[in-house]
Amino acid sequence: MTVHAYHGGASFAAIGVDMTHLERAAQVITADVLDAWFDPAPAVLATLREHLPFLLKSSPPSHAEGFVQEVARRRGVPPGSVLPGAGSSSLLFACLPRMLEPGRPVAVLEPMYSEYEHIAGTLLGCPLVRIPLREDDGFEPRTEEIAAAVRKARPQALLVVNPNNPTGRCWPREELLALADAAGGGTLVVVDETYLEFAGEGLSLEPEAAARKNLVVVKSMSKVYALSGARVGYMVLHPEWAAELEKWIPPWPVGLLSQAAAMEALRHPEYYRSMYDETRRLREEFRAALRALDPLPSCTNYFLIRPPRPAELAARLREEQIYVREFFAGPLAGKYLRITVRSREENRRMIEAMQ
């Protein structure tokens, strides 16, 4: 049995997992993971600097009550519909096994973030209904085709990521709601919105998830708030679902330093809005410079390229301390590389290396 799903992060080998040479990070371009190129909001950093000894040595509120309240206030949902966790993956491993019945079918898109397939298929033994995204269509999700596949298979759940990872394609909000309606009450629709803020404003389904029993939204604050190292996220779901699943969320689900950083980040939307705007500009500059490598359209902070020899290119980039995401299985294997948008200087360095 596979113990873990495969992720990027090979770049940390160049920095050192023993953390004794973190200064090496300045020379390494970590475009194999989807972390933000920008820093957290200045107010976040100021809070951490001012209170760091206290935040490190003190126990946090036992159920992240303040964080839950801040999320509810900022997202316009009831506090009883918010479940906090140490990143979205922590919540997925805690909650999906209690949402899904082992042995019953679960629908996933292909290609898509592998953690969902790992939990539902490998760990829970659910037969996977793979709904392919068409390569000749740039992997754009077609709502009617996916809805028809769901109606035919009648899975217990449909798991999607929006924008999709690793393709970078985005689903319009109204189409996703139509898909949830088409799935019916017998199919739970789980939507991972980890990268959604990069795509624009007013796209989240969080308010609808708080009101619908067949819709769950998974949120990570890692990428869009530049807090990947803090490990903080949350789920929004119907209060009845939340009350049942809350029993399985351990006490102190989010560290005190992470709670303080996340709450301060939520209080500064104007800073992050400017960073999302700049990310979109950087992405399109980057894609234009790599047009010879057939970059696919994207609405978020990463995109796919299709070089003639992906493995060779990835190996050559590693020699220059540049790491990109390779694929070793599925429809992208041997064809594509995923590139994360970094700062303009880092993007220029990658462009020169790829040329």
Protein backbone atom coordinates (compact mmCIF):
# COMPACT_ATOMS: atom_id res chain seq x y z
CA MET A 1 0.00 0.00 0.00
CA THR A 2 1.21 3.52 -0.80
CA VAL A 3 1.80 5.30 2.52
CA HIS A 4 1.80 8.85 1.15
CA ALA A 5 0.52 10.66 -1.91
CA TYR A 6 3.29 12.16 -4.03
CA HIS A 7 3.84 15.92 -3.71
CA GLY A 8 6.41 18.43 -4.85
CA GLY A 9 8.94 19.77 -2.39
CA ALA A 10 12.14 18.19 -3.68
CA SER A 11 13.60 21.69 -3.50
CA PHE A 12 13.94 21.35 0.26
CA ALA A 13 16.65 18.76 -0.30
CA ALA A 14 18.80 21.58 -1.68
CA ILE A 15 18.11 23.71 1.39
CA GLY A 16 18.48 20.88 3.88
CA VAL A 17 15.70 19.21 5.83
CA ASP A 18 17.79 19.47 9.00
CA MET A 19 17.18 23.26 8.92
CA THR A 20 20.80 24.09 9.71
CA HIS A 21 21.41 26.00 6.48
CA LEU A 22 18.23 27.95 5.84
CA GLU A 23 20.32 30.69 4.22
CA ARG A 24 20.55 28.41 1.18
CA ALA A 25 16.92 29.19 0.43
CA ALA A 26 17.98 32.49 -1.11
CA GLN A 27 19.72 30.62 -3.95
CA VAL A 28 16.99 28.01 -4.56
CA ILE A 29 13.89 28.65 -6.68
CA THR A 30 11.09 26.52 -5.25
CA ALA A 31 8.78 26.43 -8.28
CA ASP A 32 7.89 22.78 -7.60
CA VAL A 33 5.56 23.79 -4.75
CA LEU A 34 2.80 26.38 -4.97
CA ASP A 35 3.87 28.72 -2.19
CA ALA A 36 3.36 32.47 -2.57
CA TRP A 37 6.20 34.51 -4.05
CA PHE A 38 5.30 37.45 -1.78
CA ASP A 39 5.67 37.85 1.98
CA PRO A 40 2.79 37.89 4.48
CA ALA A 41 1.24 41.30 5.11
CA PRO A 42 3.59 43.67 6.98
CA ALA A 43 1.18 43.74 9.93
CA VAL A 44 1.43 39.94 10.18
CA LEU A 45 5.20 40.07 10.38
CA ALA A 46 5.09 42.93 12.89
CA THR A 47 2.73 40.99 15.17
CA LEU A 48 4.94 37.91 15.09
CA ARG A 49 8.11 39.89 15.75
CA GLU A 50 6.61 41.80 18.66
CA HIS A 51 5.09 38.79 20.41
CA LEU A 52 7.29 35.91 19.20
CA PRO A 53 8.47 34.60 22.61
CA PHE A 54 4.90 34.54 23.94
CA LEU A 55 3.50 32.95 20.77
CA LEU A 56 6.12 30.19 20.83
CA LYS A 57 5.97 29.25 24.49
CA SER A 58 2.22 29.57 25.14
CA SER A 59 -0.63 27.13 24.59
CA PRO A 60 -3.25 28.36 22.11
CA PRO A 61 -7.01 28.57 22.73
CA SER A 62 -8.08 24.95 22.86
CA HIS A 63 -10.50 25.09 19.91
CA ALA A 64 -9.16 28.09 17.96
CA GLU A 65 -12.24 30.06 18.96
CA GLY A 66 -10.88 33.45 17.94
CA PHE A 67 -9.74 32.18 14.56
CA VAL A 68 -13.15 30.62 13.92
CA GLN A 69 -14.88 33.88 14.81
CA GLU A 70 -12.56 35.90 12.55
CA VAL A 71 -13.13 33.55 9.60
CA ALA A 72 -16.90 33.65 10.14
CA ARG A 73 -16.92 37.45 10.29
CA ARG A 74 -14.74 37.88 7.20
CA ARG A 75 -16.50 35.22 5.12
CA GLY A 76 -20.07 35.98 6.15
CA VAL A 77 -20.84 32.51 7.50
CA PRO A 78 -22.03 31.28 10.92
CA PRO A 79 -19.22 30.33 13.33
CA GLY A 80 -20.92 26.96 13.73
CA SER A 81 -20.17 26.17 10.08
CA VAL A 82 -16.36 26.63 10.39
CA LEU A 83 -13.96 23.84 11.33
CA PRO A 84 -10.33 24.89 11.96
CA GLY A 85 -7.28 22.76 11.23
CA ALA A 86 -3.52 22.72 10.81
CA GLY A 87 -3.78 23.22 7.07
CA SER A 88 -6.36 21.78 4.70
CA SER A 89 -4.64 18.38 4.54
CA SER A 90 -5.08 17.92 8.29
CA LEU A 91 -8.80 18.52 7.91
CA LEU A 92 -9.07 16.20 4.91
CA PHE A 93 -7.48 13.31 6.78
CA ALA A 94 -9.67 13.97 9.84
CA CYS A 95 -12.97 14.54 8.04
CA LEU A 96 -13.09 12.69 4.71
CA PRO A 97 -12.98 9.23 6.38
CA ARG A 98 -16.09 10.28 8.33
CA MET A 99 -17.82 11.80 5.32
CA LEU A 100 -17.21 8.87 2.98
CA GLU A 101 -18.36 5.27 3.35
CA PRO A 102 -15.61 2.77 2.46
CA GLY A 103 -16.40 0.71 -0.62
CA ARG A 104 -18.84 3.15 -2.20
CA PRO A 105 -17.83 5.03 -5.38
CA VAL A 106 -16.26 8.49 -5.26
CA ALA A 107 -15.83 10.67 -8.35
CA VAL A 108 -12.63 12.63 -8.97
CA LEU A 109 -11.38 14.66 -11.90
CA GLU A 110 -8.31 13.53 -13.79
CA PRO A 111 -5.79 15.12 -13.52
CA MET A 112 -6.33 16.54 -10.04
CA TYR A 113 -4.58 16.98 -6.67
CA SER A 114 -3.51 13.47 -5.68
CA GLU A 115 -4.34 13.70 -1.96
CA TYR A 116 -8.04 13.19 -2.64
CA GLU A 117 -7.45 10.07 -4.68
CA HIS A 118 -5.06 8.83 -1.99
CA ILE A 119 -7.53 9.25 0.89
CA ALA A 120 -10.64 8.04 -0.92
CA GLY A 121 -9.09 5.28 -3.03
CA THR A 122 -5.94 4.03 -1.31
CA LEU A 123 -6.88 4.54 2.35
CA LEU A 124 -10.67 4.09 2.31
CA GLY A 125 -10.92 1.62 -0.56
CA CYS A 126 -13.60 3.59 -2.40
CA PRO A 127 -13.87 2.71 -6.11
CA LEU A 128 -12.83 5.83 -8.01
CA VAL A 129 -14.94 7.17 -10.84
CA ARG A 130 -12.34 9.08 -12.85
CA ILE A 131 -13.81 11.88 -14.93
CA PRO A 132 -11.16 12.87 -17.49
CA LEU A 133 -10.44 16.46 -18.38
CA ARG A 134 -9.65 16.59 -22.09
CA GLU A 135 -6.09 17.40 -23.05
CA ASP A 136 -7.17 18.72 -26.45
CA ASP A 137 -9.36 21.21 -24.57
CA GLY A 138 -6.52 22.47 -22.38
CA PHE A 139 -8.00 20.51 -19.42
CA GLU A 140 -10.80 23.03 -19.07
CA PRO A 141 -13.61 21.61 -16.89
CA ARG A 142 -16.82 21.18 -18.89
CA THR A 143 -19.72 21.34 -16.46
CA GLU A 144 -22.28 19.50 -18.56
CA GLU A 145 -19.93 16.59 -19.27
CA ILE A 146 -18.97 16.26 -15.62
CA ALA A 147 -22.58 16.52 -14.46
CA ALA A 148 -23.59 13.80 -16.92
CA ALA A 149 -20.81 11.54 -15.64
CA VAL A 150 -21.94 12.12 -12.04
CA ARG A 151 -25.59 11.41 -12.86
CA LYS A 152 -24.57 8.19 -14.59
CA ALA A 153 -22.24 6.90 -11.86
CA ARG A 154 -24.22 8.20 -8.84
CA PRO A 155 -21.15 8.39 -6.59
CA GLN A 156 -21.44 9.13 -2.89
CA ALA A 157 -19.18 12.16 -3.42
CA LEU A 158 -17.61 14.32 -6.10
CA LEU A 159 -14.25 15.81 -5.12
CA VAL A 160 -12.99 18.84 -7.08
CA VAL A 161 -10.31 21.51 -6.76
CA ASN A 162 -11.08 25.02 -8.02
CA PRO A 163 -8.86 26.31 -9.56
CA ASN A 164 -7.81 22.82 -10.44
CA ASN A 165 -4.38 21.66 -9.35
CA PRO A 166 -2.25 20.98 -11.39
CA THR A 167 -3.94 22.39 -14.51
CA GLY A 168 -4.67 25.93 -13.24
CA ARG A 169 -8.08 26.04 -14.89
CA CYS A 170 -10.95 27.72 -13.04
CA TRP A 171 -14.63 26.90 -12.73
CA PRO A 172 -17.10 29.82 -12.80
CA ARG A 173 -18.97 30.07 -9.51
CA GLU A 174 -22.44 29.67 -10.98
CA GLU A 175 -21.41 26.60 -12.93
CA LEU A 176 -20.09 24.91 -9.80
CA LEU A 177 -23.37 25.65 -8.02
CA ALA A 178 -25.24 24.20 -11.00
CA LEU A 179 -23.05 21.09 -10.75
CA ALA A 180 -23.90 20.74 -7.05
CA ASP A 181 -27.59 21.01 -7.96
CA ALA A 182 -27.21 18.45 -10.74
CA ALA A 183 -25.42 16.03 -8.41
CA GLY A 184 -28.47 15.92 -6.16
CA GLY A 185 -28.79 15.33 -2.44
CA GLY A 186 -27.28 11.86 -2.66
CA THR A 187 -23.86 13.09 -3.78
CA LEU A 188 -21.68 15.18 -1.53
CA VAL A 189 -19.72 17.82 -3.48
CA VAL A 190 -16.40 18.79 -1.87
CA VAL A 191 -14.75 21.88 -3.39
CA ASP A 192 -11.15 22.71 -2.50
CA GLU A 193 -10.62 26.46 -2.93
CA THR A 194 -6.96 26.59 -1.89
CA TYR A 195 -5.92 28.82 -4.84
CA LEU A 196 -9.20 30.61 -5.56
CA GLU A 197 -8.26 34.11 -4.43
CA PHE A 198 -5.60 34.29 -7.13
CA ALA A 199 -8.42 33.96 -9.69
CA GLY A 200 -10.43 36.97 -8.53
CA GLU A 201 -13.01 38.17 -6.00
CA GLY A 202 -16.54 36.96 -5.31
CA LEU A 203 -15.89 33.40 -6.50
CA SER A 204 -16.04 31.43 -3.26
CA LEU A 205 -18.85 29.02 -2.42
CA GLU A 206 -18.34 29.40 1.34
CA PRO A 207 -21.75 31.03 2.04
CA GLU A 208 -23.53 28.33 0.02
CA ALA A 209 -21.61 25.55 1.79
CA ALA A 210 -22.82 26.87 5.14
CA ALA A 211 -26.41 26.54 3.91
CA ARG A 212 -26.33 23.30 1.86
CA LYS A 213 -25.95 19.80 3.27
CA ASN A 214 -24.46 18.41 0.06
CA LEU A 215 -21.70 21.03 -0.34
CA VAL A 216 -18.41 21.38 1.57
CA VAL A 217 -15.70 23.99 0.93
CA VAL A 218 -12.08 23.36 1.93
CA LYS A 219 -9.88 26.42 2.47
CA SER A 220 -6.14 26.69 3.02
CA MET A 221 -4.44 29.89 4.10
CA SER A 222 -1.07 28.56 2.97
CA LYS A 223 -0.76 29.91 -0.55
CA VAL A 224 -3.02 32.93 -0.86
CA TYR A 225 -1.93 34.38 2.50
CA ALA A 226 1.75 33.37 2.24
CA LEU A 227 1.44 31.19 5.35
CA SER A 228 2.47 27.75 4.05
CA GLY A 229 4.91 27.26 6.92
CA ALA A 230 2.25 28.11 9.51
CA ARG A 231 -0.10 25.25 8.49
CA VAL A 232 -3.54 26.78 8.99
CA GLY A 233 -6.80 26.18 7.17
CA TYR A 234 -10.51 25.59 7.68
CA MET A 235 -13.61 23.94 6.26
CA VAL A 236 -17.00 25.54 5.71
CA LEU A 237 -19.98 23.20 5.79
CA HIS A 238 -23.56 22.96 7.03
CA PRO A 239 -23.70 23.45 10.83
CA GLU A 240 -25.19 19.97 11.32
CA TRP A 241 -22.25 18.42 9.46
CA ALA A 242 -19.83 20.63 11.38
CA ALA A 243 -21.26 19.63 14.76
CA GLU A 244 -20.81 15.96 13.92
CA LEU A 245 -17.28 16.31 12.55
CA GLU A 246 -16.09 18.68 15.28
CA LYS A 247 -15.91 15.68 17.62
CA TRP A 248 -12.97 14.39 15.58
CA ILE A 249 -11.01 17.65 15.49
CA PRO A 250 -8.35 17.41 18.22
CA PRO A 251 -7.91 20.13 20.83
CA TRP A 252 -5.40 22.85 19.92
CA PRO A 253 -5.96 22.20 16.19
CA VAL A 254 -3.93 25.27 15.14
CA GLY A 255 -0.77 26.53 16.86
CA LEU A 256 -0.83 29.88 18.62
CA LEU A 257 1.70 31.51 16.29
CA SER A 258 -0.31 30.25 13.30
CA GLN A 259 -3.59 31.53 14.71
CA ALA A 260 -2.14 34.97 15.34
CA ALA A 261 -0.66 35.13 11.84
CA ALA A 262 -3.86 33.92 10.17
CA MET A 263 -6.17 36.30 12.01
CA GLU A 264 -3.92 39.28 11.31
CA ALA A 265 -3.76 38.27 7.64
CA LEU A 266 -7.55 38.18 7.40
CA ARG A 267 -7.65 41.77 8.66
CA HIS A 268 -5.63 43.12 5.72
CA PRO A 269 -7.48 42.18 2.52
CA GLU A 270 -6.22 45.27 0.69
CA TYR A 271 -2.60 44.12 0.91
CA TYR A 272 -3.39 40.63 -0.35
CA ARG A 273 -5.64 41.99 -3.10
CA SER A 274 -2.67 43.95 -4.44
CA MET A 275 -0.51 40.80 -4.30
CA TYR A 276 -3.09 38.80 -6.26
CA ASP A 277 -3.23 41.51 -8.92
CA GLU A 278 0.56 41.48 -9.21
CA THR A 279 0.59 37.67 -9.35
CA ARG A 280 -1.72 37.74 -12.34
CA ARG A 281 0.53 40.25 -14.10
CA LEU A 282 3.62 38.16 -13.35
CA ARG A 283 1.90 35.01 -14.58
CA GLU A 284 0.99 36.46 -17.93
CA GLU A 285 4.48 37.96 -18.42
CA PHE A 286 5.95 34.57 -17.54
CA ARG A 287 3.65 32.65 -19.88
CA ALA A 288 4.36 35.05 -22.74
CA ALA A 289 8.12 34.59 -22.29
CA LEU A 290 7.69 30.79 -22.37
CA ARG A 291 5.42 30.65 -25.41
CA ALA A 292 7.86 28.30 -27.17
CA LEU A 293 7.17 25.74 -24.43
CA ASP A 294 3.40 25.75 -25.04
CA PRO A 295 2.18 27.18 -21.69
CA LEU A 296 -1.44 26.38 -20.95
CA PRO A 297 -3.94 29.04 -19.81
CA SER A 298 -4.27 29.50 -16.06
CA CYS A 299 -6.24 31.64 -13.63
CA THR A 300 -4.00 31.11 -10.61
CA ASN A 301 -0.34 31.20 -9.50
CA TYR A 302 0.89 28.24 -11.57
CA PHE A 303 0.55 26.83 -15.06
CA LEU A 304 1.56 23.84 -17.15
CA ILE A 305 4.16 23.84 -19.92
CA ARG A 306 4.74 21.13 -22.51
CA PRO A 307 8.45 21.05 -23.39
CA PRO A 308 9.78 18.47 -25.89
CA ARG A 309 11.67 16.53 -23.18
CA PRO A 310 10.23 17.37 -19.74
CA ALA A 311 12.50 15.12 -17.69
CA GLU A 312 15.63 16.49 -19.35
CA LEU A 313 14.53 20.06 -18.80
CA ALA A 314 13.66 19.42 -15.14
CA ALA A 315 17.06 17.77 -14.56
CA ARG A 316 18.91 20.66 -16.21
CA LEU A 317 17.00 23.18 -14.10
CA ARG A 318 17.86 21.30 -10.92
CA GLU A 319 21.53 21.74 -11.75
CA GLU A 320 20.88 25.48 -11.54
CA GLN A 321 18.99 25.18 -8.23
CA ILE A 322 15.62 25.61 -9.96
CA TYR A 323 12.95 23.07 -9.07
CA VAL A 324 9.75 22.50 -11.05
CA ARG A 325 7.01 19.92 -10.61
CA GLU A 326 7.34 16.72 -12.62
CA PHE A 327 4.64 14.09 -13.13
CA PHE A 328 5.36 10.37 -12.94
CA ALA A 329 1.86 8.93 -13.37
CA GLY A 330 -1.45 9.84 -14.98
CA PRO A 331 -2.21 11.82 -18.14
CA LEU A 332 0.48 14.46 -17.50
CA ALA A 333 3.38 12.03 -17.04
CA GLY A 334 6.19 12.46 -19.55
CA LYS A 335 4.43 15.40 -21.22
CA TYR A 336 4.10 18.35 -18.86
CA LEU A 337 5.84 20.29 -16.12
CA ARG A 338 4.06 22.56 -13.66
CA ILE A 339 5.64 25.95 -13.01
CA THR A 340 4.87 28.19 -10.04
CA VAL A 341 4.84 31.94 -10.51
CA ARG A 342 7.62 33.49 -8.44
CA SER A 343 8.99 37.04 -8.17
CA ARG A 344 9.89 38.87 -11.36
CA GLU A 345 13.60 38.31 -10.72
CA GLU A 346 13.12 34.58 -10.08
CA ASN A 347 10.86 34.26 -13.11
CA ARG A 348 13.55 35.92 -15.25
CA ARG A 349 16.11 33.47 -13.93
CA MET A 350 13.84 30.54 -14.84
CA ILE A 351 13.14 31.96 -18.30
CA GLU A 352 16.86 32.29 -19.02
CA ALA A 353 17.54 28.76 -17.79
CA MET A 354 14.72 27.30 -19.90
CA GLN A 355 15.93 29.05 -23.03
